[in-house]
């Protein structure tokens, strides 16, 4: 399973509209905490069948801001969301983003 990069509001809306459970990761390419969390996210995605997408918070700031606005969840980075039916079912940030925390959230 590959990770889709969302570069526009349209990309984001199409991704959110897809049926089923999916993961959305906000990644800062300049932050070492985000780099570690992104490794955990990539490891989870590689071994599991869940749709996954990433937004680069610096390069695609308007998309990153739209996520915070649309879901009413304060922006953090790194940050991960589990989406289902257009709703956020779970989210966490920073060091709490691990393969096991993602796996637990998806399996609920």
PDB file of N, CA and C in Angstrom:
ATOM      1  N   UNK A   1       0.861  -1.186   0.000  1.00  0.00           N
ATOM      2  CA  UNK A   1       0.000   0.000   0.000  1.00  0.00           C
ATOM      3  C   UNK A   1       0.897   1.236   0.000  1.00  0.00           C
ATOM      4  N   UNK A   2       0.609   2.171  -0.895  1.00  0.00           N
ATOM      5  CA  UNK A   2       1.447   3.364  -0.954  1.00  0.00           C
ATOM      6  C   UNK A   2       0.767   4.526  -0.228  1.00  0.00           C
ATOM      7  N   UNK A   3       1.563   5.509   0.089  1.00  0.00           N
ATOM      8  CA  UNK A   3       1.065   6.686   0.792  1.00  0.00           C
ATOM      9  C   UNK A   3       0.830   7.785  -0.241  1.00  0.00           C
ATOM     10  N   UNK A   4      -0.384   8.297  -0.271  1.00  0.00           N
ATOM     11  CA  UNK A   4      -0.766   9.349  -1.217  1.00  0.00           C
ATOM     12  C   UNK A   4      -0.346  10.711  -0.640  1.00  0.00           C
ATOM     13  N   UNK A   5       0.216  11.568  -1.476  1.00  0.00           N
ATOM     14  CA  UNK A   5       0.547  12.932  -1.052  1.00  0.00           C
ATOM     15  C   UNK A   5      -0.580  13.871  -1.463  1.00  0.00           C
ATOM     16  N   UNK A   6      -1.095  14.625  -0.497  1.00  0.00           N
ATOM     17  CA  UNK A   6      -2.186  15.563  -0.767  1.00  0.00           C
ATOM     18  C   UNK A   6      -1.594  16.970  -0.890  1.00  0.00           C
ATOM     19  N   UNK A   7      -1.747  17.577  -2.083  1.00  0.00           N
ATOM     20  CA  UNK A   7      -1.134  18.879  -2.349  1.00  0.00           C
ATOM     21  C   UNK A   7      -2.135  20.020  -2.456  1.00  0.00           C
ATOM     22  N   UNK A   8      -3.436  19.691  -2.509  1.00  0.00           N
ATOM     23  CA  UNK A   8      -4.436  20.748  -2.697  1.00  0.00           C
ATOM     24  C   UNK A   8      -5.679  20.445  -1.869  1.00  0.00           C
ATOM     25  N   UNK A   9      -6.514  21.462  -1.718  1.00  0.00           N
ATOM     26  CA  UNK A   9      -7.787  21.282  -1.003  1.00  0.00           C
ATOM     27  C   UNK A   9      -8.641  20.214  -1.709  1.00  0.00           C
ATOM     28  N   UNK A  10      -8.574  20.206  -3.043  1.00  0.00           N
ATOM     29  CA  UNK A  10      -9.321  19.202  -3.817  1.00  0.00           C
ATOM     30  C   UNK A  10      -8.843  17.789  -3.527  1.00  0.00           C
ATOM     31  N   UNK A  11      -7.512  17.614  -3.455  1.00  0.00           N
ATOM     32  CA  UNK A  11      -6.942  16.300  -3.105  1.00  0.00           C
ATOM     33  C   UNK A  11      -7.473  15.859  -1.739  1.00  0.00           C
ATOM     34  N   UNK A  12      -7.460  16.802  -0.783  1.00  0.00           N
ATOM     35  CA  UNK A  12      -7.897  16.507   0.575  1.00  0.00           C
ATOM     36  C   UNK A  12      -9.369  16.091   0.590  1.00  0.00           C
ATOM     37  N   UNK A  13     -10.208  16.859  -0.082  1.00  0.00           N
ATOM     38  CA  UNK A  13     -11.649  16.566  -0.103  1.00  0.00           C
ATOM     39  C   UNK A  13     -11.927  15.203  -0.733  1.00  0.00           C
ATOM     40  N   UNK A  14     -11.237  14.891  -1.824  1.00  0.00           N
ATOM     41  CA  UNK A  14     -11.428  13.583  -2.473  1.00  0.00           C
ATOM     42  C   UNK A  14     -11.004  12.459  -1.540  1.00  0.00           C
ATOM     43  N   UNK A  15      -9.891  12.665  -0.849  1.00  0.00           N
ATOM     44  CA  UNK A  15      -9.378  11.631   0.055  1.00  0.00           C
ATOM     45  C   UNK A  15     -10.350  11.404   1.213  1.00  0.00           C
ATOM     46  N   UNK A  16     -10.828  12.484   1.823  1.00  0.00           N
ATOM     47  CA  UNK A  16     -11.757  12.370   2.953  1.00  0.00           C
ATOM     48  C   UNK A  16     -13.049  11.678   2.526  1.00  0.00           C
ATOM     49  N   UNK A  17     -13.473  11.912   1.292  1.00  0.00           N
ATOM     50  CA  UNK A  17     -14.735  11.353   0.790  1.00  0.00           C
ATOM     51  C   UNK A  17     -14.657   9.853   0.498  1.00  0.00           C
ATOM     52  N   UNK A  18     -13.446   9.297   0.406  1.00  0.00           N
ATOM     53  CA  UNK A  18     -13.324   7.869   0.106  1.00  0.00           C
ATOM     54  C   UNK A  18     -13.952   7.047   1.237  1.00  0.00           C
ATOM     55  N   UNK A  19     -14.625   5.950   0.887  1.00  0.00           N
ATOM     56  CA  UNK A  19     -15.242   5.120   1.931  1.00  0.00           C
ATOM     57  C   UNK A  19     -14.216   4.353   2.757  1.00  0.00           C
ATOM     58  N   UNK A  20     -14.618   3.946   3.936  1.00  0.00           N
ATOM     59  CA  UNK A  20     -13.775   3.107   4.782  1.00  0.00           C
ATOM     60  C   UNK A  20     -12.835   3.908   5.665  1.00  0.00           C
ATOM     61  N   UNK A  21     -12.042   3.168   6.437  1.00  0.00           N
ATOM     62  CA  UNK A  21     -11.083   3.793   7.350  1.00  0.00           C
ATOM     63  C   UNK A  21      -9.842   4.215   6.589  1.00  0.00           C
ATOM     64  N   UNK A  22      -9.319   5.380   6.935  1.00  0.00           N
ATOM     65  CA  UNK A  22      -8.090   5.848   6.295  1.00  0.00           C
ATOM     66  C   UNK A  22      -7.311   6.727   7.254  1.00  0.00           C
ATOM     67  N   UNK A  23      -6.010   6.756   7.036  1.00  0.00           N
ATOM     68  CA  UNK A  23      -5.101   7.527   7.880  1.00  0.00           C
ATOM     69  C   UNK A  23      -4.634   8.774   7.152  1.00  0.00           C
ATOM     70  N   UNK A  24      -4.504   9.851   7.916  1.00  0.00           N
ATOM     71  CA  UNK A  24      -4.010  11.111   7.382  1.00  0.00           C
ATOM     72  C   UNK A  24      -2.920  11.617   8.321  1.00  0.00           C
ATOM     73  N   UNK A  25      -1.737  11.835   7.772  1.00  0.00           N
ATOM     74  CA  UNK A  25      -0.573  12.214   8.576  1.00  0.00           C
ATOM     75  C   UNK A  25      -0.099  13.602   8.167  1.00  0.00           C
ATOM     76  N   UNK A  26       0.054  14.489   9.157  1.00  0.00           N
ATOM     77  CA  UNK A  26       0.621  15.821   8.904  1.00  0.00           C
ATOM     78  C   UNK A  26       2.091  15.776   9.304  1.00  0.00           C
ATOM     79  N   UNK A  27       2.951  16.044   8.322  1.00  0.00           N
ATOM     80  CA  UNK A  27       4.389  15.839   8.499  1.00  0.00           C
ATOM     81  C   UNK A  27       5.169  17.136   8.272  1.00  0.00           C
ATOM     82  N   UNK A  28       6.028  17.464   9.226  1.00  0.00           N
ATOM     83  CA  UNK A  28       6.956  18.580   9.053  1.00  0.00           C
ATOM     84  C   UNK A  28       8.313  18.021   8.647  1.00  0.00           C
ATOM     85  N   UNK A  29       8.774  18.400   7.465  1.00  0.00           N
ATOM     86  CA  UNK A  29      10.031  17.870   6.932  1.00  0.00           C
ATOM     87  C   UNK A  29      11.251  18.455   7.643  1.00  0.00           C
ATOM     88  N   UNK A  30      11.049  19.428   8.542  1.00  0.00           N
ATOM     89  CA  UNK A  30      12.183  20.031   9.247  1.00  0.00           C
ATOM     90  C   UNK A  30      12.282  19.579  10.704  1.00  0.00           C
ATOM     91  N   UNK A  31      11.377  18.728  11.141  1.00  0.00           N
ATOM     92  CA  UNK A  31      11.284  18.383  12.563  1.00  0.00           C
ATOM     93  C   UNK A  31      11.723  16.949  12.823  1.00  0.00           C
ATOM     94  N   UNK A  32      12.702  16.729  13.716  1.00  0.00           N
ATOM     95  CA  UNK A  32      13.154  15.360  14.004  1.00  0.00           C
ATOM     96  C   UNK A  32      12.073  14.487  14.664  1.00  0.00           C
ATOM     97  N   UNK A  33      11.203  15.088  15.465  1.00  0.00           N
ATOM     98  CA  UNK A  33      10.103  14.307  16.064  1.00  0.00           C
ATOM     99  C   UNK A  33       9.183  13.818  14.953  1.00  0.00           C
ATOM    100  N   UNK A  34       8.895  14.701  14.007  1.00  0.00           N
ATOM    101  CA  UNK A  34       8.031  14.332  12.887  1.00  0.00           C
ATOM    102  C   UNK A  34       8.681  13.246  12.034  1.00  0.00           C
ATOM    103  N   UNK A  35       9.990  13.332  11.854  1.00  0.00           N
ATOM    104  CA  UNK A  35      10.693  12.311  11.068  1.00  0.00           C
ATOM    105  C   UNK A  35      10.535  10.939  11.707  1.00  0.00           C
ATOM    106  N   UNK A  36      10.655  10.862  13.031  1.00  0.00           N
ATOM    107  CA  UNK A  36      10.510   9.596  13.744  1.00  0.00           C
ATOM    108  C   UNK A  36       9.068   9.086  13.634  1.00  0.00           C
ATOM    109  N   UNK A  37       8.108   9.992  13.843  1.00  0.00           N
ATOM    110  CA  UNK A  37       6.694   9.607  13.750  1.00  0.00           C
ATOM    111  C   UNK A  37       6.356   9.137  12.337  1.00  0.00           C
ATOM    112  N   UNK A  38       6.937   9.803  11.320  1.00  0.00           N
ATOM    113  CA  UNK A  38       6.680   9.424   9.937  1.00  0.00           C
ATOM    114  C   UNK A  38       7.219   8.023   9.655  1.00  0.00           C
ATOM    115  N   UNK A  39       8.363   7.679  10.249  1.00  0.00           N
ATOM    116  CA  UNK A  39       8.894   6.311  10.125  1.00  0.00           C
ATOM    117  C   UNK A  39       7.909   5.293  10.705  1.00  0.00           C
ATOM    118  N   UNK A  40       7.360   5.607  11.871  1.00  0.00           N
ATOM    119  CA  UNK A  40       6.380   4.707  12.507  1.00  0.00           C
ATOM    120  C   UNK A  40       5.150   4.547  11.602  1.00  0.00           C
ATOM    121  N   UNK A  41       4.676   5.673  11.075  1.00  0.00           N
ATOM    122  CA  UNK A  41       3.523   5.686  10.170  1.00  0.00           C
ATOM    123  C   UNK A  41       3.811   4.841   8.923  1.00  0.00           C
ATOM    124  N   UNK A  42       4.976   5.051   8.308  1.00  0.00           N
ATOM    125  CA  UNK A  42       5.338   4.297   7.103  1.00  0.00           C
ATOM    126  C   UNK A  42       5.441   2.800   7.395  1.00  0.00           C
ATOM    127  N   UNK A  43       5.995   2.455   8.542  1.00  0.00           N
ATOM    128  CA  UNK A  43       6.111   1.045   8.926  1.00  0.00           C
ATOM    129  C   UNK A  43       4.736   0.418   9.093  1.00  0.00           C
ATOM    130  N   UNK A  44       3.829   1.152   9.712  1.00  0.00           N
ATOM    131  CA  UNK A  44       2.460   0.640   9.869  1.00  0.00           C
ATOM    132  C   UNK A  44       1.826   0.419   8.493  1.00  0.00           C
ATOM    133  N   UNK A  45       1.911   1.420   7.630  1.00  0.00           N
ATOM    134  CA  UNK A  45       1.267   1.359   6.308  1.00  0.00           C
ATOM    135  C   UNK A  45       1.823   0.204   5.474  1.00  0.00           C
ATOM    136  N   UNK A  46       3.132  -0.016   5.567  1.00  0.00           N
ATOM    137  CA  UNK A  46       3.789  -1.071   4.790  1.00  0.00           C
ATOM    138  C   UNK A  46       3.211  -2.450   5.139  1.00  0.00           C
ATOM    139  N   UNK A  47       2.875  -2.652   6.403  1.00  0.00           N
ATOM    140  CA  UNK A  47       2.425  -3.968   6.868  1.00  0.00           C
ATOM    141  C   UNK A  47       0.910  -4.103   6.967  1.00  0.00           C
ATOM    142  N   UNK A  48       0.169  -3.063   6.629  1.00  0.00           N
ATOM    143  CA  UNK A  48      -1.283  -3.104   6.788  1.00  0.00           C
ATOM    144  C   UNK A  48      -1.976  -2.591   5.544  1.00  0.00           C
ATOM    145  N   UNK A  49      -3.266  -2.832   5.490  1.00  0.00           N
ATOM    146  CA  UNK A  49      -4.024  -2.567   4.272  1.00  0.00           C
ATOM    147  C   UNK A  49      -4.884  -1.313   4.391  1.00  0.00           C
ATOM    148  N   UNK A  50      -4.491  -0.368   5.229  1.00  0.00           N
ATOM    149  CA  UNK A  50      -5.297   0.834   5.441  1.00  0.00           C
ATOM    150  C   UNK A  50      -4.857   1.923   4.472  1.00  0.00           C
ATOM    151  N   UNK A  51      -5.836   2.606   3.856  1.00  0.00           N
ATOM    152  CA  UNK A  51      -5.502   3.758   3.008  1.00  0.00           C
ATOM    153  C   UNK A  51      -4.731   4.778   3.833  1.00  0.00           C
ATOM    154  N   UNK A  52      -3.747   5.431   3.228  1.00  0.00           N
ATOM    155  CA  UNK A  52      -2.930   6.384   3.963  1.00  0.00           C
ATOM    156  C   UNK A  52      -2.534   7.552   3.073  1.00  0.00           C
ATOM    157  N   UNK A  53      -2.514   8.742   3.691  1.00  0.00           N
ATOM    158  CA  UNK A  53      -2.104   9.945   2.965  1.00  0.00           C
ATOM    159  C   UNK A  53      -1.288  10.830   3.896  1.00  0.00           C
ATOM    160  N   UNK A  54      -0.468  11.674   3.270  1.00  0.00           N
ATOM    161  CA  UNK A  54       0.376  12.596   4.032  1.00  0.00           C
ATOM    162  C   UNK A  54       0.220  14.000   3.459  1.00  0.00           C
ATOM    163  N   UNK A  55       0.258  14.976   4.375  1.00  0.00           N
ATOM    164  CA  UNK A  55       0.311  16.387   4.001  1.00  0.00           C
ATOM    165  C   UNK A  55       1.594  16.957   4.593  1.00  0.00           C
ATOM    166  N   UNK A  56       2.401  17.588   3.753  1.00  0.00           N
ATOM    167  CA  UNK A  56       3.622  18.240   4.232  1.00  0.00           C
ATOM    168  C   UNK A  56       3.241  19.641   4.700  1.00  0.00           C
ATOM    169  N   UNK A  57       3.376  19.881   6.013  1.00  0.00           N
ATOM    170  CA  UNK A  57       2.797  21.095   6.604  1.00  0.00           C
ATOM    171  C   UNK A  57       3.477  22.388   6.151  1.00  0.00           C
ATOM    172  N   UNK A  58       4.736  22.335   5.789  1.00  0.00           N
ATOM    173  CA  UNK A  58       5.425  23.548   5.341  1.00  0.00           C
ATOM    174  C   UNK A  58       5.170  23.765   3.845  1.00  0.00           C
ATOM    175  N   UNK A  59       5.381  22.712   3.057  1.00  0.00           N
ATOM    176  CA  UNK A  59       5.257  22.814   1.599  1.00  0.00           C
ATOM    177  C   UNK A  59       3.802  23.027   1.165  1.00  0.00           C
ATOM    178  N   UNK A  60       2.860  22.425   1.872  1.00  0.00           N
ATOM    179  CA  UNK A  60       1.436  22.522   1.505  1.00  0.00           C
ATOM    180  C   UNK A  60       0.626  23.091   2.669  1.00  0.00           C
ATOM    181  N   UNK A  61       1.072  24.245   3.174  1.00  0.00           N
ATOM    182  CA  UNK A  61       0.440  24.861   4.344  1.00  0.00           C
ATOM    183  C   UNK A  61      -1.068  25.082   4.189  1.00  0.00           C
ATOM    184  N   UNK A  62      -1.583  25.546   3.023  1.00  0.00           N
ATOM    185  CA  UNK A  62      -3.041  25.742   2.915  1.00  0.00           C
ATOM    186  C   UNK A  62      -3.830  24.454   3.185  1.00  0.00           C
ATOM    187  N   UNK A  63      -3.296  23.323   2.726  1.00  0.00           N
ATOM    188  CA  UNK A  63      -3.982  22.035   2.953  1.00  0.00           C
ATOM    189  C   UNK A  63      -3.923  21.687   4.445  1.00  0.00           C
ATOM    190  N   UNK A  64      -2.769  21.886   5.040  1.00  0.00           N
ATOM    191  CA  UNK A  64      -2.598  21.631   6.468  1.00  0.00           C
ATOM    192  C   UNK A  64      -3.571  22.489   7.284  1.00  0.00           C
ATOM    193  N   UNK A  65      -3.671  23.765   6.938  1.00  0.00           N
ATOM    194  CA  UNK A  65      -4.590  24.663   7.648  1.00  0.00           C
ATOM    195  C   UNK A  65      -6.040  24.229   7.470  1.00  0.00           C
ATOM    196  N   UNK A  66      -6.370  23.754   6.277  1.00  0.00           N
ATOM    197  CA  UNK A  66      -7.748  23.322   5.992  1.00  0.00           C
ATOM    198  C   UNK A  66      -8.134  22.127   6.863  1.00  0.00           C
ATOM    199  N   UNK A  67      -7.196  21.223   7.123  1.00  0.00           N
ATOM    200  CA  UNK A  67      -7.479  20.074   7.988  1.00  0.00           C
ATOM    201  C   UNK A  67      -7.876  20.568   9.385  1.00  0.00           C
ATOM    202  N   UNK A  68      -7.099  21.495   9.930  1.00  0.00           N
ATOM    203  CA  UNK A  68      -7.398  22.041  11.258  1.00  0.00           C
ATOM    204  C   UNK A  68      -8.764  22.723  11.261  1.00  0.00           C
ATOM    205  N   UNK A  69      -9.047  23.497  10.224  1.00  0.00           N
ATOM    206  CA  UNK A  69     -10.326  24.209  10.132  1.00  0.00           C
ATOM    207  C   UNK A  69     -11.494  23.244   9.970  1.00  0.00           C
ATOM    208  N   UNK A  70     -11.387  22.332   9.007  1.00  0.00           N
ATOM    209  CA  UNK A  70     -12.510  21.433   8.702  1.00  0.00           C
ATOM    210  C   UNK A  70     -12.857  20.515   9.869  1.00  0.00           C
ATOM    211  N   UNK A  71     -11.834  20.032  10.579  1.00  0.00           N
ATOM    212  CA  UNK A  71     -12.085  19.082  11.661  1.00  0.00           C
ATOM    213  C   UNK A  71     -12.174  19.760  13.026  1.00  0.00           C
ATOM    214  N   UNK A  72     -11.828  21.058  13.093  1.00  0.00           N
ATOM    215  CA  UNK A  72     -11.879  21.765  14.361  1.00  0.00           C
ATOM    216  C   UNK A  72     -10.898  21.205  15.381  1.00  0.00           C
ATOM    217  N   UNK A  73      -9.755  20.717  14.891  1.00  0.00           N
ATOM    218  CA  UNK A  73      -8.728  20.151  15.774  1.00  0.00           C
ATOM    219  C   UNK A  73      -7.462  20.991  15.603  1.00  0.00           C
ATOM    220  N   UNK A  74      -6.957  21.499  16.712  1.00  0.00           N
ATOM    221  CA  UNK A  74      -5.792  22.379  16.697  1.00  0.00           C
ATOM    222  C   UNK A  74      -4.640  21.736  15.926  1.00  0.00           C
ATOM    223  N   UNK A  75      -4.006  22.525  15.081  1.00  0.00           N
ATOM    224  CA  UNK A  75      -2.875  22.028  14.290  1.00  0.00           C
ATOM    225  C   UNK A  75      -1.691  21.669  15.186  1.00  0.00           C
ATOM    226  N   UNK A  76      -1.152  20.495  14.966  1.00  0.00           N
ATOM    227  CA  UNK A  76       0.126  20.113  15.552  1.00  0.00           C
ATOM    228  C   UNK A  76       0.891  19.391  14.455  1.00  0.00           C
ATOM    229  N   UNK A  77       2.181  19.272  14.632  1.00  0.00           N
ATOM    230  CA  UNK A  77       2.916  18.441  13.691  1.00  0.00           C
ATOM    231  C   UNK A  77       4.125  17.858  14.428  1.00  0.00           C
ATOM    232  N   UNK A  78       4.314  16.564  14.297  1.00  0.00           N
ATOM    233  CA  UNK A  78       3.491  15.647  13.502  1.00  0.00           C
ATOM    234  C   UNK A  78       2.133  15.397  14.165  1.00  0.00           C
ATOM    235  N   UNK A  79       1.187  15.029  13.342  1.00  0.00           N
ATOM    236  CA  UNK A  79      -0.172  14.751  13.819  1.00  0.00           C
ATOM    237  C   UNK A  79      -0.768  13.688  12.892  1.00  0.00           C
ATOM    238  N   UNK A  80      -1.548  12.788  13.484  1.00  0.00           N
ATOM    239  CA  UNK A  80      -2.183  11.737  12.671  1.00  0.00           C
ATOM    240  C   UNK A  80      -3.665  11.674  12.996  1.00  0.00           C
ATOM    241  N   UNK A  81      -4.446  11.390  11.963  1.00  0.00           N
ATOM    242  CA  UNK A  81      -5.893  11.254  12.097  1.00  0.00           C
ATOM    243  C   UNK A  81      -6.324   9.917  11.514  1.00  0.00           C
ATOM    244  N   UNK A  82      -7.275   9.278  12.177  1.00  0.00           N
ATOM    245  CA  UNK A  82      -7.982   8.137  11.597  1.00  0.00           C
ATOM    246  C   UNK A  82      -9.348   8.661  11.184  1.00  0.00           C
ATOM    247  N   UNK A  83      -9.633   8.570   9.886  1.00  0.00           N
ATOM    248  CA  UNK A  83     -10.890   9.070   9.332  1.00  0.00           C
ATOM    249  C   UNK A  83     -11.768   7.904   8.930  1.00  0.00           C
ATOM    250  N   UNK A  84     -13.069   8.089   9.127  1.00  0.00           N
ATOM    251  CA  UNK A  84     -14.038   7.112   8.632  1.00  0.00           C
ATOM    252  C   UNK A  84     -15.330   7.857   8.350  1.00  0.00           C
ATOM    253  N   UNK A  85     -15.867   7.665   7.144  1.00  0.00           N
ATOM    254  CA  UNK A  85     -17.108   8.335   6.728  1.00  0.00           C
ATOM    255  C   UNK A  85     -17.012   9.854   6.903  1.00  0.00           C
ATOM    256  N   UNK A  86     -15.857  10.424   6.556  1.00  0.00           N
ATOM    257  CA  UNK A  86     -15.689  11.867   6.607  1.00  0.00           C
ATOM    258  C   UNK A  86     -15.503  12.440   8.005  1.00  0.00           C
ATOM    259  N   UNK A  87     -15.441  11.588   9.015  1.00  0.00           N
ATOM    260  CA  UNK A  87     -15.300  12.035  10.409  1.00  0.00           C
ATOM    261  C   UNK A  87     -13.959  11.599  10.970  1.00  0.00           C
ATOM    262  N   UNK A  88     -13.452  12.379  11.919  1.00  0.00           N
ATOM    263  CA  UNK A  88     -12.249  11.972  12.636  1.00  0.00           C
ATOM    264  C   UNK A  88     -12.657  11.024  13.764  1.00  0.00           C
ATOM    265  N   UNK A  89     -12.148   9.792  13.728  1.00  0.00           N
ATOM    266  CA  UNK A  89     -12.454   8.795  14.768  1.00  0.00           C
ATOM    267  C   UNK A  89     -11.399   8.814  15.871  1.00  0.00           C
ATOM    268  N   UNK A  90     -10.196   9.265  15.510  1.00  0.00           N
ATOM    269  CA  UNK A  90      -9.064   9.256  16.456  1.00  0.00           C
ATOM    270  C   UNK A  90      -8.007  10.192  15.923  1.00  0.00           C
ATOM    271  N   UNK A  91      -7.300  10.851  16.835  1.00  0.00           N
ATOM    272  CA  UNK A  91      -6.125  11.612  16.407  1.00  0.00           C
ATOM    273  C   UNK A  91      -5.151  11.709  17.568  1.00  0.00           C
ATOM    274  N   UNK A  92      -3.877  11.859  17.232  1.00  0.00           N
ATOM    275  CA  UNK A  92      -2.847  12.049  18.247  1.00  0.00           C
ATOM    276  C   UNK A  92      -1.675  12.761  17.590  1.00  0.00           C
ATOM    277  N   UNK A  93      -0.665  13.078  18.399  1.00  0.00           N
ATOM    278  CA  UNK A  93       0.459  13.827  17.842  1.00  0.00           C
ATOM    279  C   UNK A  93       1.765  13.461  18.539  1.00  0.00           C
ATOM    280  N   UNK A  94       2.848  13.961  17.957  1.00  0.00           N
ATOM    281  CA  UNK A  94       4.199  13.857  18.496  1.00  0.00           C
ATOM    282  C   UNK A  94       4.600  12.419  18.829  1.00  0.00           C
ATOM    283  N   UNK A  95       5.135  12.211  20.030  1.00  0.00           N
ATOM    284  CA  UNK A  95       5.702  10.900  20.397  1.00  0.00           C
ATOM    285  C   UNK A  95       4.643   9.809  20.520  1.00  0.00           C
ATOM    286  N   UNK A  96       3.367  10.194  20.580  1.00  0.00           N
ATOM    287  CA  UNK A  96       2.307   9.180  20.716  1.00  0.00           C
ATOM    288  C   UNK A  96       2.018   8.482  19.386  1.00  0.00           C
ATOM    289  N   UNK A  97       2.626   8.971  18.312  1.00  0.00           N
ATOM    290  CA  UNK A  97       2.422   8.347  16.996  1.00  0.00           C
ATOM    291  C   UNK A  97       3.391   7.173  16.871  1.00  0.00           C
ATOM    292  N   UNK A  98       2.860   5.978  17.111  1.00  0.00           N
ATOM    293  CA  UNK A  98       3.668   4.762  17.005  1.00  0.00           C
ATOM    294  C   UNK A  98       2.893   3.736  16.190  1.00  0.00           C
ATOM    295  N   UNK A  99       3.620   2.742  15.679  1.00  0.00           N
ATOM    296  CA  UNK A  99       2.943   1.656  14.952  1.00  0.00           C
ATOM    297  C   UNK A  99       1.838   1.063  15.803  1.00  0.00           C
ATOM    298  N   UNK A 100       2.131   0.842  17.095  1.00  0.00           N
ATOM    299  CA  UNK A 100       1.147   0.162  17.941  1.00  0.00           C
ATOM    300  C   UNK A 100      -0.065   1.055  18.236  1.00  0.00           C
ATOM    301  N   UNK A 101       0.139   2.374  18.416  1.00  0.00           N
ATOM    302  CA  UNK A 101      -1.013   3.243  18.672  1.00  0.00           C
ATOM    303  C   UNK A 101      -1.900   3.331  17.432  1.00  0.00           C
ATOM    304  N   UNK A 102      -1.280   3.347  16.251  1.00  0.00           N
ATOM    305  CA  UNK A 102      -2.045   3.385  14.997  1.00  0.00           C
ATOM    306  C   UNK A 102      -2.837   2.085  14.845  1.00  0.00           C
ATOM    307  N   UNK A 103      -2.159   0.970  15.073  1.00  0.00           N
ATOM    308  CA  UNK A 103      -2.795  -0.335  14.925  1.00  0.00           C
ATOM    309  C   UNK A 103      -4.004  -0.463  15.861  1.00  0.00           C
ATOM    310  N   UNK A 104      -3.828  -0.030  17.093  1.00  0.00           N
ATOM    311  CA  UNK A 104      -4.912  -0.099  18.072  1.00  0.00           C
ATOM    312  C   UNK A 104      -6.098   0.752  17.645  1.00  0.00           C
ATOM    313  N   UNK A 105      -5.825   1.979  17.163  1.00  0.00           N
ATOM    314  CA  UNK A 105      -6.900   2.872  16.733  1.00  0.00           C
ATOM    315  C   UNK A 105      -7.662   2.302  15.540  1.00  0.00           C
ATOM    316  N   UNK A 106      -6.935   1.772  14.563  1.00  0.00           N
ATOM    317  CA  UNK A 106      -7.565   1.245  13.346  1.00  0.00           C
ATOM    318  C   UNK A 106      -8.406   0.010  13.659  1.00  0.00           C
ATOM    319  N   UNK A 107      -7.948  -0.799  14.618  1.00  0.00           N
ATOM    320  CA  UNK A 107      -8.657  -2.056  14.889  1.00  0.00           C
ATOM    321  C   UNK A 107      -9.923  -1.871  15.747  1.00  0.00           C
ATOM    322  N   UNK A 108     -10.134  -0.696  16.287  1.00  0.00           N
ATOM    323  CA  UNK A 108     -11.323  -0.484  17.136  1.00  0.00           C
ATOM    324  C   UNK A 108     -12.584  -0.304  16.312  1.00  0.00           C
TER     325      UNK A 108
END
